[in-house]
Amino acid sequence: MPKQPAFPGLRDAMKKKQTRREVFLSEMKAVVPWGRLLGLIAPHYPKAGPKGGRPPMPIETMLRVYFLQNWYALSDPMAEE
């Protein structure tokens, strides 16, 4: 019969390594004041119209992609001109 692990060993065995994505998202969450930023931009962000059409992307998703592009210089230089 295998030996039962003690509590400290069990806690270490249950802990998984943080991925780079999780580290990046936690840093982004700590740096950017999301609540205040979304509150400022939300009144000006496009809403779905009465005629239908494609609904706009969620504002938080768009902001995260925008910040990601700026922080890692992923934007297309030709699109800026």
PDB file of N, CA and C in Angstrom:
ATOM      1  N   MET A   1       0.849  -1.175   0.000  1.00  0.00           N
ATOM      2  CA  MET A   1       0.000   0.000   0.000  1.00  0.00           C
ATOM      3  C   MET A   1       0.903   1.249   0.000  1.00  0.00           C
ATOM      4  N   PRO A   2       0.643   2.220  -0.925  1.00  0.00           N
ATOM      5  CA  PRO A   2       1.485   3.415  -0.972  1.00  0.00           C
ATOM      6  C   PRO A   2       1.288   4.288   0.265  1.00  0.00           C
ATOM      7  N   LYS A   3       2.347   4.995   0.585  1.00  0.00           N
ATOM      8  CA  LYS A   3       2.312   5.868   1.747  1.00  0.00           C
ATOM      9  C   LYS A   3       1.485   7.114   1.418  1.00  0.00           C
ATOM     10  N   GLN A   4       0.642   7.548   2.335  1.00  0.00           N
ATOM     11  CA  GLN A   4      -0.182   8.728   2.118  1.00  0.00           C
ATOM     12  C   GLN A   4       0.678   9.983   2.321  1.00  0.00           C
ATOM     13  N   PRO A   5       0.610  10.941   1.380  1.00  0.00           N
ATOM     14  CA  PRO A   5       1.444  12.145   1.529  1.00  0.00           C
ATOM     15  C   PRO A   5       0.955  13.032   2.668  1.00  0.00           C
ATOM     16  N   ALA A   6       1.886  13.744   3.254  1.00  0.00           N
ATOM     17  CA  ALA A   6       1.544  14.689   4.316  1.00  0.00           C
ATOM     18  C   ALA A   6       0.923  15.934   3.676  1.00  0.00           C
ATOM     19  N   PHE A   7       0.329  16.801   4.463  1.00  0.00           N
ATOM     20  CA  PHE A   7      -0.339  17.983   3.931  1.00  0.00           C
ATOM     21  C   PHE A   7       0.576  18.914   3.136  1.00  0.00           C
ATOM     22  N   PRO A   8       1.783  19.254   3.620  1.00  0.00           N
ATOM     23  CA  PRO A   8       2.635  20.134   2.799  1.00  0.00           C
ATOM     24  C   PRO A   8       3.005  19.499   1.460  1.00  0.00           C
ATOM     25  N   GLY A   9       3.272  18.216   1.434  1.00  0.00           N
ATOM     26  CA  GLY A   9       3.611  17.551   0.186  1.00  0.00           C
ATOM     27  C   GLY A   9       2.423  17.478  -0.761  1.00  0.00           C
ATOM     28  N   LEU A  10       1.238  17.312  -0.207  1.00  0.00           N
ATOM     29  CA  LEU A  10       0.023  17.254  -1.009  1.00  0.00           C
ATOM     30  C   LEU A  10      -0.247  18.604  -1.660  1.00  0.00           C
ATOM     31  N   ARG A  11      -0.028  19.679  -0.920  1.00  0.00           N
ATOM     32  CA  ARG A  11      -0.245  21.018  -1.461  1.00  0.00           C
ATOM     33  C   ARG A  11       0.698  21.287  -2.623  1.00  0.00           C
ATOM     34  N   ASP A  12       1.964  20.882  -2.503  1.00  0.00           N
ATOM     35  CA  ASP A  12       2.925  21.079  -3.586  1.00  0.00           C
ATOM     36  C   ASP A  12       2.594  20.217  -4.791  1.00  0.00           C
ATOM     37  N   ALA A  13       2.064  19.027  -4.554  1.00  0.00           N
ATOM     38  CA  ALA A  13       1.715  18.138  -5.656  1.00  0.00           C
ATOM     39  C   ALA A  13       0.506  18.670  -6.425  1.00  0.00           C
ATOM     40  N   MET A  14      -0.402  19.363  -5.764  1.00  0.00           N
ATOM     41  CA  MET A  14      -1.599  19.885  -6.412  1.00  0.00           C
ATOM     42  C   MET A  14      -1.331  21.187  -7.173  1.00  0.00           C
ATOM     43  N   LYS A  15      -0.261  21.873  -6.823  1.00  0.00           N
ATOM     44  CA  LYS A  15       0.050  23.156  -7.444  1.00  0.00           C
ATOM     45  C   LYS A  15       0.641  22.920  -8.829  1.00  0.00           C
ATOM     46  N   LYS A  16       0.109  23.626  -9.835  1.00  0.00           N
ATOM     47  CA  LYS A  16       0.650  23.484 -11.178  1.00  0.00           C
ATOM     48  C   LYS A  16       1.479  24.713 -11.532  1.00  0.00           C
ATOM     49  N   LYS A  17       2.339  24.544 -12.495  1.00  0.00           N
ATOM     50  CA  LYS A  17       3.183  25.645 -12.939  1.00  0.00           C
ATOM     51  C   LYS A  17       2.340  26.640 -13.726  1.00  0.00           C
ATOM     52  N   GLN A  18       2.548  27.933 -13.475  1.00  0.00           N
ATOM     53  CA  GLN A  18       1.818  28.978 -14.181  1.00  0.00           C
ATOM     54  C   GLN A  18       2.360  29.110 -15.597  1.00  0.00           C
ATOM     55  N   THR A  19       1.461  29.175 -16.577  1.00  0.00           N
ATOM     56  CA  THR A  19       1.897  29.327 -17.962  1.00  0.00           C
ATOM     57  C   THR A  19       2.270  30.778 -18.238  1.00  0.00           C
ATOM     58  N   ARG A  20       2.952  31.003 -19.348  1.00  0.00           N
ATOM     59  CA  ARG A  20       3.324  32.377 -19.706  1.00  0.00           C
ATOM     60  C   ARG A  20       2.088  33.226 -19.933  1.00  0.00           C
ATOM     61  N   ARG A  21       1.057  32.622 -20.496  1.00  0.00           N
ATOM     62  CA  ARG A  21      -0.194  33.345 -20.738  1.00  0.00           C
ATOM     63  C   ARG A  21      -0.810  33.796 -19.419  1.00  0.00           C
ATOM     64  N   GLU A  22      -0.868  32.896 -18.430  1.00  0.00           N
ATOM     65  CA  GLU A  22      -1.440  33.240 -17.130  1.00  0.00           C
ATOM     66  C   GLU A  22      -0.626  34.332 -16.436  1.00  0.00           C
ATOM     67  N   VAL A  23       0.692  34.270 -16.558  1.00  0.00           N
ATOM     68  CA  VAL A  23       1.557  35.295 -15.967  1.00  0.00           C
ATOM     69  C   VAL A  23       1.299  36.643 -16.635  1.00  0.00           C
ATOM     70  N   PHE A  24       1.233  36.638 -17.983  1.00  0.00           N
ATOM     71  CA  PHE A  24       1.002  37.888 -18.713  1.00  0.00           C
ATOM     72  C   PHE A  24      -0.351  38.495 -18.357  1.00  0.00           C
ATOM     73  N   LEU A  25      -1.404  37.672 -18.326  1.00  0.00           N
ATOM     74  CA  LEU A  25      -2.732  38.190 -18.017  1.00  0.00           C
ATOM     75  C   LEU A  25      -2.826  38.711 -16.586  1.00  0.00           C
ATOM     76  N   SER A  26      -2.136  38.082 -15.655  1.00  0.00           N
ATOM     77  CA  SER A  26      -2.161  38.585 -14.280  1.00  0.00           C
ATOM     78  C   SER A  26      -1.404  39.911 -14.168  1.00  0.00           C
ATOM     79  N   GLU A  27      -0.306  40.047 -14.922  1.00  0.00           N
ATOM     80  CA  GLU A  27       0.418  41.326 -14.934  1.00  0.00           C
ATOM     81  C   GLU A  27      -0.428  42.415 -15.576  1.00  0.00           C
ATOM     82  N   MET A  28      -1.106  42.074 -16.672  1.00  0.00           N
ATOM     83  CA  MET A  28      -1.964  43.047 -17.346  1.00  0.00           C
ATOM     84  C   MET A  28      -3.099  43.486 -16.421  1.00  0.00           C
ATOM     85  N   LYS A  29      -3.653  42.543 -15.690  1.00  0.00           N
ATOM     86  CA  LYS A  29      -4.743  42.857 -14.764  1.00  0.00           C
ATOM     87  C   LYS A  29      -4.262  43.776 -13.643  1.00  0.00           C
ATOM     88  N   ALA A  30      -3.011  43.594 -13.207  1.00  0.00           N
ATOM     89  CA  ALA A  30      -2.467  44.419 -12.128  1.00  0.00           C
ATOM     90  C   ALA A  30      -2.120  45.831 -12.600  1.00  0.00           C
ATOM     91  N   VAL A  31      -1.727  45.978 -13.859  1.00  0.00           N
ATOM     92  CA  VAL A  31      -1.263  47.268 -14.371  1.00  0.00           C
ATOM     93  C   VAL A  31      -2.404  48.163 -14.837  1.00  0.00           C
ATOM     94  N   VAL A  32      -3.408  47.588 -15.487  1.00  0.00           N
ATOM     95  CA  VAL A  32      -4.468  48.377 -16.114  1.00  0.00           C
ATOM     96  C   VAL A  32      -5.689  48.444 -15.192  1.00  0.00           C
ATOM     97  N   PRO A  33      -6.189  49.654 -14.915  1.00  0.00           N
ATOM     98  CA  PRO A  33      -7.409  49.787 -14.109  1.00  0.00           C
ATOM     99  C   PRO A  33      -8.641  49.535 -14.990  1.00  0.00           C
ATOM    100  N   TRP A  34      -8.994  48.263 -15.192  1.00  0.00           N
ATOM    101  CA  TRP A  34     -10.027  47.897 -16.160  1.00  0.00           C
ATOM    102  C   TRP A  34     -11.369  48.528 -15.867  1.00  0.00           C
ATOM    103  N   GLY A  35     -11.802  48.550 -14.631  1.00  0.00           N
ATOM    104  CA  GLY A  35     -13.117  49.092 -14.295  1.00  0.00           C
ATOM    105  C   GLY A  35     -13.264  50.546 -14.695  1.00  0.00           C
ATOM    106  N   ARG A  36     -12.294  51.355 -14.343  1.00  0.00           N
ATOM    107  CA  ARG A  36     -12.347  52.780 -14.681  1.00  0.00           C
ATOM    108  C   ARG A  36     -12.242  52.997 -16.183  1.00  0.00           C
ATOM    109  N   LEU A  37     -11.364  52.248 -16.820  1.00  0.00           N
ATOM    110  CA  LEU A  37     -11.160  52.400 -18.260  1.00  0.00           C
ATOM    111  C   LEU A  37     -12.415  52.014 -19.038  1.00  0.00           C
ATOM    112  N   LEU A  38     -13.030  50.907 -18.675  1.00  0.00           N
ATOM    113  CA  LEU A  38     -14.261  50.487 -19.353  1.00  0.00           C
ATOM    114  C   LEU A  38     -15.388  51.481 -19.098  1.00  0.00           C
ATOM    115  N   GLY A  39     -15.435  52.054 -17.909  1.00  0.00           N
ATOM    116  CA  GLY A  39     -16.457  53.058 -17.598  1.00  0.00           C
ATOM    117  C   GLY A  39     -16.318  54.312 -18.432  1.00  0.00           C
ATOM    118  N   LEU A  40     -15.085  54.686 -18.760  1.00  0.00           N
ATOM    119  CA  LEU A  40     -14.860  55.878 -19.585  1.00  0.00           C
ATOM    120  C   LEU A  40     -15.190  55.640 -21.062  1.00  0.00           C
ATOM    121  N   ILE A  41     -14.894  54.459 -21.549  1.00  0.00           N
ATOM    122  CA  ILE A  41     -15.030  54.188 -22.980  1.00  0.00           C
ATOM    123  C   ILE A  41     -16.422  53.678 -23.343  1.00  0.00           C
ATOM    124  N   ALA A  42     -17.096  52.984 -22.456  1.00  0.00           N
ATOM    125  CA  ALA A  42     -18.376  52.331 -22.757  1.00  0.00           C
ATOM    126  C   ALA A  42     -19.434  53.266 -23.337  1.00  0.00           C
ATOM    127  N   PRO A  43     -19.603  54.501 -22.844  1.00  0.00           N
ATOM    128  CA  PRO A  43     -20.638  55.359 -23.440  1.00  0.00           C
ATOM    129  C   PRO A  43     -20.372  55.705 -24.910  1.00  0.00           C
ATOM    130  N   HIS A  44     -19.129  55.655 -25.343  1.00  0.00           N
ATOM    131  CA  HIS A  44     -18.774  56.035 -26.715  1.00  0.00           C
ATOM    132  C   HIS A  44     -18.594  54.838 -27.637  1.00  0.00           C
ATOM    133  N   TYR A  45     -18.646  53.637 -27.095  1.00  0.00           N
ATOM    134  CA  TYR A  45     -18.418  52.427 -27.877  1.00  0.00           C
ATOM    135  C   TYR A  45     -19.681  52.098 -28.668  1.00  0.00           C
ATOM    136  N   PRO A  46     -19.542  51.653 -29.929  1.00  0.00           N
ATOM    137  CA  PRO A  46     -20.739  51.392 -30.746  1.00  0.00           C
ATOM    138  C   PRO A  46     -21.608  50.276 -30.168  1.00  0.00           C
ATOM    139  N   LYS A  47     -22.900  50.460 -30.329  1.00  0.00           N
ATOM    140  CA  LYS A  47     -23.869  49.461 -29.869  1.00  0.00           C
ATOM    141  C   LYS A  47     -24.469  48.785 -31.106  1.00  0.00           C
ATOM    142  N   ALA A  48     -25.126  47.661 -30.911  1.00  0.00           N
ATOM    143  CA  ALA A  48     -25.818  46.987 -32.009  1.00  0.00           C
ATOM    144  C   ALA A  48     -27.001  47.853 -32.439  1.00  0.00           C
ATOM    145  N   GLY A  49     -27.111  48.076 -33.721  1.00  0.00           N
ATOM    146  CA  GLY A  49     -28.165  48.937 -34.248  1.00  0.00           C
ATOM    147  C   GLY A  49     -29.498  48.225 -34.356  1.00  0.00           C
ATOM    148  N   PRO A  50     -30.583  48.996 -34.544  1.00  0.00           N
ATOM    149  CA  PRO A  50     -31.912  48.388 -34.669  1.00  0.00           C
ATOM    150  C   PRO A  50     -32.088  47.624 -35.983  1.00  0.00           C
ATOM    151  N   LYS A  51     -31.267  47.936 -36.990  1.00  0.00           N
ATOM    152  CA  LYS A  51     -31.376  47.269 -38.284  1.00  0.00           C
ATOM    153  C   LYS A  51     -30.713  45.903 -38.284  1.00  0.00           C
ATOM    154  N   GLY A  52     -30.051  45.571 -37.224  1.00  0.00           N
ATOM    155  CA  GLY A  52     -29.355  44.283 -37.149  1.00  0.00           C
ATOM    156  C   GLY A  52     -27.899  44.451 -37.551  1.00  0.00           C
ATOM    157  N   GLY A  53     -27.392  43.522 -38.300  1.00  0.00           N
ATOM    158  CA  GLY A  53     -25.996  43.584 -38.696  1.00  0.00           C
ATOM    159  C   GLY A  53     -25.125  42.854 -37.700  1.00  0.00           C
ATOM    160  N   ARG A  54     -23.858  42.938 -37.951  1.00  0.00           N
ATOM    161  CA  ARG A  54     -22.907  42.247 -37.087  1.00  0.00           C
ATOM    162  C   ARG A  54     -22.756  43.007 -35.773  1.00  0.00           C
ATOM    163  N   PRO A  55     -22.913  42.335 -34.642  1.00  0.00           N
ATOM    164  CA  PRO A  55     -22.729  43.025 -33.365  1.00  0.00           C
ATOM    165  C   PRO A  55     -21.250  43.342 -33.138  1.00  0.00           C
ATOM    166  N   PRO A  56     -20.956  44.460 -32.458  1.00  0.00           N
ATOM    167  CA  PRO A  56     -19.553  44.801 -32.200  1.00  0.00           C
ATOM    168  C   PRO A  56     -18.900  43.815 -31.239  1.00  0.00           C
ATOM    169  N   MET A  57     -17.581  43.721 -31.331  1.00  0.00           N
ATOM    170  CA  MET A  57     -16.830  42.875 -30.401  1.00  0.00           C
ATOM    171  C   MET A  57     -16.994  43.433 -28.994  1.00  0.00           C
ATOM    172  N   PRO A  58     -16.900  42.587 -27.978  1.00  0.00           N
ATOM    173  CA  PRO A  58     -16.968  43.105 -26.598  1.00  0.00           C
ATOM    174  C   PRO A  58     -15.822  44.101 -26.347  1.00  0.00           C
ATOM    175  N   ILE A  59     -16.142  45.141 -25.638  1.00  0.00           N
ATOM    176  CA  ILE A  59     -15.182  46.236 -25.434  1.00  0.00           C
ATOM    177  C   ILE A  59     -13.925  45.767 -24.693  1.00  0.00           C
ATOM    178  N   GLU A  60     -14.085  44.896 -23.716  1.00  0.00           N
ATOM    179  CA  GLU A  60     -12.919  44.436 -22.951  1.00  0.00           C
ATOM    180  C   GLU A  60     -11.976  43.618 -23.835  1.00  0.00           C
ATOM    181  N   THR A  61     -12.537  42.814 -24.726  1.00  0.00           N
ATOM    182  CA  THR A  61     -11.715  42.031 -25.651  1.00  0.00           C
ATOM    183  C   THR A  61     -10.930  42.954 -26.575  1.00  0.00           C
ATOM    184  N   MET A  62     -11.598  43.968 -27.104  1.00  0.00           N
ATOM    185  CA  MET A  62     -10.932  44.905 -28.013  1.00  0.00           C
ATOM    186  C   MET A  62      -9.801  45.650 -27.303  1.00  0.00           C
ATOM    187  N   LEU A  63     -10.028  46.071 -26.066  1.00  0.00           N
ATOM    188  CA  LEU A  63      -8.986  46.779 -25.325  1.00  0.00           C
ATOM    189  C   LEU A  63      -7.787  45.881 -25.030  1.00  0.00           C
ATOM    190  N   ARG A  64      -8.042  44.641 -24.665  1.00  0.00           N
ATOM    191  CA  ARG A  64      -6.934  43.717 -24.389  1.00  0.00           C
ATOM    192  C   ARG A  64      -6.092  43.470 -25.638  1.00  0.00           C
ATOM    193  N   VAL A  65      -6.755  43.299 -26.781  1.00  0.00           N
ATOM    194  CA  VAL A  65      -6.024  43.096 -28.031  1.00  0.00           C
ATOM    195  C   VAL A  65      -5.232  44.352 -28.381  1.00  0.00           C
ATOM    196  N   TYR A  66      -5.834  45.515 -28.208  1.00  0.00           N
ATOM    197  CA  TYR A  66      -5.149  46.775 -28.500  1.00  0.00           C
ATOM    198  C   TYR A  66      -3.897  46.949 -27.632  1.00  0.00           C
ATOM    199  N   PHE A  67      -4.026  46.708 -26.329  1.00  0.00           N
ATOM    200  CA  PHE A  67      -2.871  46.831 -25.440  1.00  0.00           C
ATOM    201  C   PHE A  67      -1.800  45.791 -25.761  1.00  0.00           C
ATOM    202  N   LEU A  68      -2.219  44.593 -26.080  1.00  0.00           N
ATOM    203  CA  LEU A  68      -1.273  43.545 -26.451  1.00  0.00           C
ATOM    204  C   LEU A  68      -0.473  43.956 -27.680  1.00  0.00           C
ATOM    205  N   GLN A  69      -1.154  44.517 -28.691  1.00  0.00           N
ATOM    206  CA  GLN A  69      -0.467  44.977 -29.901  1.00  0.00           C
ATOM    207  C   GLN A  69       0.524  46.090 -29.591  1.00  0.00           C
ATOM    208  N   ASN A  70       0.144  47.011 -28.734  1.00  0.00           N
ATOM    209  CA  ASN A  70       1.037  48.123 -28.407  1.00  0.00           C
ATOM    210  C   ASN A  70       2.223  47.683 -27.568  1.00  0.00           C
ATOM    211  N   TRP A  71       2.001  46.828 -26.576  1.00  0.00           N
ATOM    212  CA  TRP A  71       3.079  46.404 -25.695  1.00  0.00           C
ATOM    213  C   TRP A  71       4.117  45.572 -26.416  1.00  0.00           C
ATOM    214  N   TYR A  72       3.680  44.774 -27.390  1.00  0.00           N
ATOM    215  CA  TYR A  72       4.616  43.910 -28.097  1.00  0.00           C
ATOM    216  C   TYR A  72       4.907  44.389 -29.517  1.00  0.00           C
ATOM    217  N   ALA A  73       4.526  45.616 -29.851  1.00  0.00           N
ATOM    218  CA  ALA A  73       4.773  46.221 -31.168  1.00  0.00           C
ATOM    219  C   ALA A  73       4.305  45.277 -32.285  1.00  0.00           C
ATOM    220  N   LEU A  74       3.070  44.805 -32.179  1.00  0.00           N
ATOM    221  CA  LEU A  74       2.525  43.876 -33.152  1.00  0.00           C
ATOM    222  C   LEU A  74       1.665  44.578 -34.210  1.00  0.00           C
ATOM    223  N   SER A  75       1.519  45.886 -34.116  1.00  0.00           N
ATOM    224  CA  SER A  75       0.657  46.563 -35.077  1.00  0.00           C
ATOM    225  C   SER A  75       1.340  46.666 -36.434  1.00  0.00           C
ATOM    226  N   ASP A  76       0.535  46.746 -37.462  1.00  0.00           N
ATOM    227  CA  ASP A  76       1.022  46.843 -38.832  1.00  0.00           C
ATOM    228  C   ASP A  76       1.397  48.303 -39.110  1.00  0.00           C
ATOM    229  N   PRO A  77       2.655  48.604 -39.460  1.00  0.00           N
ATOM    230  CA  PRO A  77       3.043  49.998 -39.693  1.00  0.00           C
ATOM    231  C   PRO A  77       2.293  50.640 -40.861  1.00  0.00           C
ATOM    232  N   MET A  78       1.901  49.866 -41.851  1.00  0.00           N
ATOM    233  CA  MET A  78       1.178  50.425 -42.998  1.00  0.00           C
ATOM    234  C   MET A  78      -0.253  50.796 -42.643  1.00  0.00           C
ATOM    235  N   ALA A  79      -0.816  50.163 -41.632  1.00  0.00           N
ATOM    236  CA  ALA A  79      -2.183  50.468 -41.220  1.00  0.00           C
ATOM    237  C   ALA A  79      -2.252  51.799 -40.476  1.00  0.00           C
ATOM    238  N   GLU A  80      -1.137  52.274 -39.947  1.00  0.00           N
ATOM    239  CA  GLU A  80      -1.125  53.500 -39.181  1.00  0.00           C
ATOM    240  C   GLU A  80      -1.097  54.742 -40.077  1.00  0.00           C
ATOM    241  N   GLU A  81      -0.682  54.581 -41.313  1.00  0.00           N
ATOM    242  CA  GLU A  81      -0.568  55.746 -42.205  1.00  0.00           C
ATOM    243  C   GLU A  81      -1.823  56.022 -42.954  1.00  0.00           C
TER     244      GLU A  81
END
